[in-house]
N, C-alpha and C. Protein backbone atom coordinates (compact mmCIF):
# COMPACT_ATOMS: atom_id res chain seq x y z
N MET A 1 80.24 101.32 123.48
CA MET A 1 81.02 100.76 122.03
C MET A 1 79.92 99.82 121.24
N ALA A 2 78.96 99.15 121.98
CA ALA A 2 78.19 98.38 121.21
C ALA A 2 76.97 99.21 120.31
N SER A 3 76.92 100.07 121.20
CA SER A 3 75.79 100.89 120.28
C SER A 3 76.26 101.69 119.30
N ARG A 4 77.39 102.37 119.24
CA ARG A 4 78.03 102.99 118.42
C ARG A 4 78.72 101.87 117.25
N ARG A 5 78.82 100.98 117.40
CA ARG A 5 79.38 99.61 116.43
C ARG A 5 78.02 99.80 115.66
N MET A 6 76.72 99.31 116.26
CA MET A 6 75.73 99.36 115.49
C MET A 6 74.94 100.43 114.70
N GLU A 7 75.46 101.74 115.14
CA GLU A 7 75.28 102.88 114.52
C GLU A 7 76.13 103.17 113.23
N THR A 8 77.40 102.74 113.14
CA THR A 8 78.23 102.77 111.93
C THR A 8 78.19 101.40 111.11
N LYS A 9 77.42 100.56 111.53
CA LYS A 9 77.59 99.39 110.24
C LYS A 9 76.63 99.59 109.26
N PRO A 10 75.64 100.36 109.32
CA PRO A 10 74.61 100.71 108.40
C PRO A 10 75.24 101.50 107.18
N VAL A 11 75.82 102.56 107.80
CA VAL A 11 76.94 103.77 107.20
C VAL A 11 78.05 102.78 106.40
N ILE A 12 78.69 101.76 106.94
CA ILE A 12 79.69 101.03 106.32
C ILE A 12 78.78 100.15 104.90
N THR A 13 77.75 99.48 105.32
CA THR A 13 77.13 98.75 104.38
C THR A 13 76.48 99.78 103.11
N CYS A 14 76.13 100.98 103.33
CA CYS A 14 75.95 101.93 102.65
C CYS A 14 77.01 102.30 101.55
N LEU A 15 77.84 102.67 102.29
CA LEU A 15 78.99 102.90 101.49
C LEU A 15 79.50 101.93 100.39
N LYS A 16 79.35 100.46 101.13
CA LYS A 16 79.86 99.42 99.97
C LYS A 16 79.05 99.22 99.20
N THR A 17 77.67 99.67 99.53
CA THR A 17 76.34 99.48 98.14
C THR A 17 76.81 100.43 97.20
N LEU A 18 77.21 102.01 97.69
CA LEU A 18 77.48 103.14 96.64
C LEU A 18 78.64 102.77 95.82
N LEU A 19 79.76 102.33 96.70
CA LEU A 19 80.71 101.54 95.56
C LEU A 19 80.44 100.80 94.59
N VAL A 20 79.92 99.60 94.62
CA VAL A 20 79.54 98.72 94.09
C VAL A 20 78.84 99.17 93.03
N VAL A 21 77.40 100.01 93.17
CA VAL A 21 76.93 100.73 92.10
C VAL A 21 77.74 101.38 91.31
N TYR A 22 78.67 102.21 91.88
CA TYR A 22 79.46 103.05 91.13
C TYR A 22 80.50 102.26 90.13
N SER A 23 80.87 101.57 90.83
CA SER A 23 81.75 100.40 89.72
C SER A 23 81.22 99.58 88.93
N PHE A 24 79.83 99.25 89.18
CA PHE A 24 79.10 98.71 88.00
C PHE A 24 78.63 99.37 87.16
N VAL A 25 78.35 100.81 87.29
CA VAL A 25 77.89 101.54 86.39
C VAL A 25 78.84 101.95 85.62
N PHE A 26 80.18 102.08 86.22
CA PHE A 26 81.59 102.85 85.37
C PHE A 26 81.69 101.55 84.34
N TRP A 27 81.46 100.03 84.96
CA TRP A 27 81.91 99.05 83.91
C TRP A 27 81.13 98.87 82.82
N VAL A 28 79.61 98.83 83.09
CA VAL A 28 78.56 99.13 82.10
C VAL A 28 78.98 100.10 80.83
N SER A 29 79.25 101.33 81.62
CA SER A 29 79.41 102.55 80.43
C SER A 29 80.71 102.17 79.61
N SER A 30 81.89 101.65 80.37
CA SER A 30 83.19 101.34 79.34
C SER A 30 82.82 100.25 78.65
N MET A 31 81.92 99.19 78.84
CA MET A 31 81.41 98.17 78.00
C MET A 31 80.57 98.96 76.75
N THR A 32 79.76 99.84 76.98
CA THR A 32 78.95 100.27 76.03
C THR A 32 79.73 101.05 75.09
N LYS A 33 80.73 101.86 75.20
CA LYS A 33 81.96 102.39 74.68
C LYS A 33 82.73 101.62 73.98
N ARG A 34 82.89 100.56 74.46
CA ARG A 34 83.74 99.48 73.65
C ARG A 34 82.87 98.76 72.51
N TYR A 35 81.66 98.67 72.93
CA TYR A 35 80.73 97.99 72.03
C TYR A 35 79.73 98.69 71.76
N PRO A 36 79.64 100.00 71.09
CA PRO A 36 78.50 100.71 71.01
C PRO A 36 77.39 100.01 70.15
N THR A 37 77.25 98.81 69.62
CA THR A 37 76.36 97.99 69.10
C THR A 37 75.38 97.29 70.04
N GLY A 38 75.85 97.45 71.17
CA GLY A 38 75.15 96.82 72.21
C GLY A 38 75.21 95.36 72.25
N ASN A 39 76.16 94.75 72.20
CA ASN A 39 76.60 93.37 72.16
C ASN A 39 77.48 92.84 73.41
N LEU A 40 76.43 93.29 74.58
CA LEU A 40 76.85 93.01 75.86
C LEU A 40 76.72 91.63 76.26
N MET A 41 76.21 90.55 75.27
CA MET A 41 75.80 89.27 75.62
C MET A 41 76.86 88.30 75.01
N ASN A 42 77.71 89.22 74.05
CA ASN A 42 78.87 88.42 73.34
C ASN A 42 80.06 88.59 73.82
N ILE A 43 80.35 89.11 75.20
CA ILE A 43 81.57 89.27 76.04
C ILE A 43 82.48 87.99 75.85
């Protein structure tokens, strides 16, 4: 069980990282669509 848990932990970390990156990219793209002038600092 211990070895299997150590193998699945990096996979979960990778999935979490992909989820964060995807949500961040989606958020940035929605912000740029909402503010096409690029005023990201004025949110």
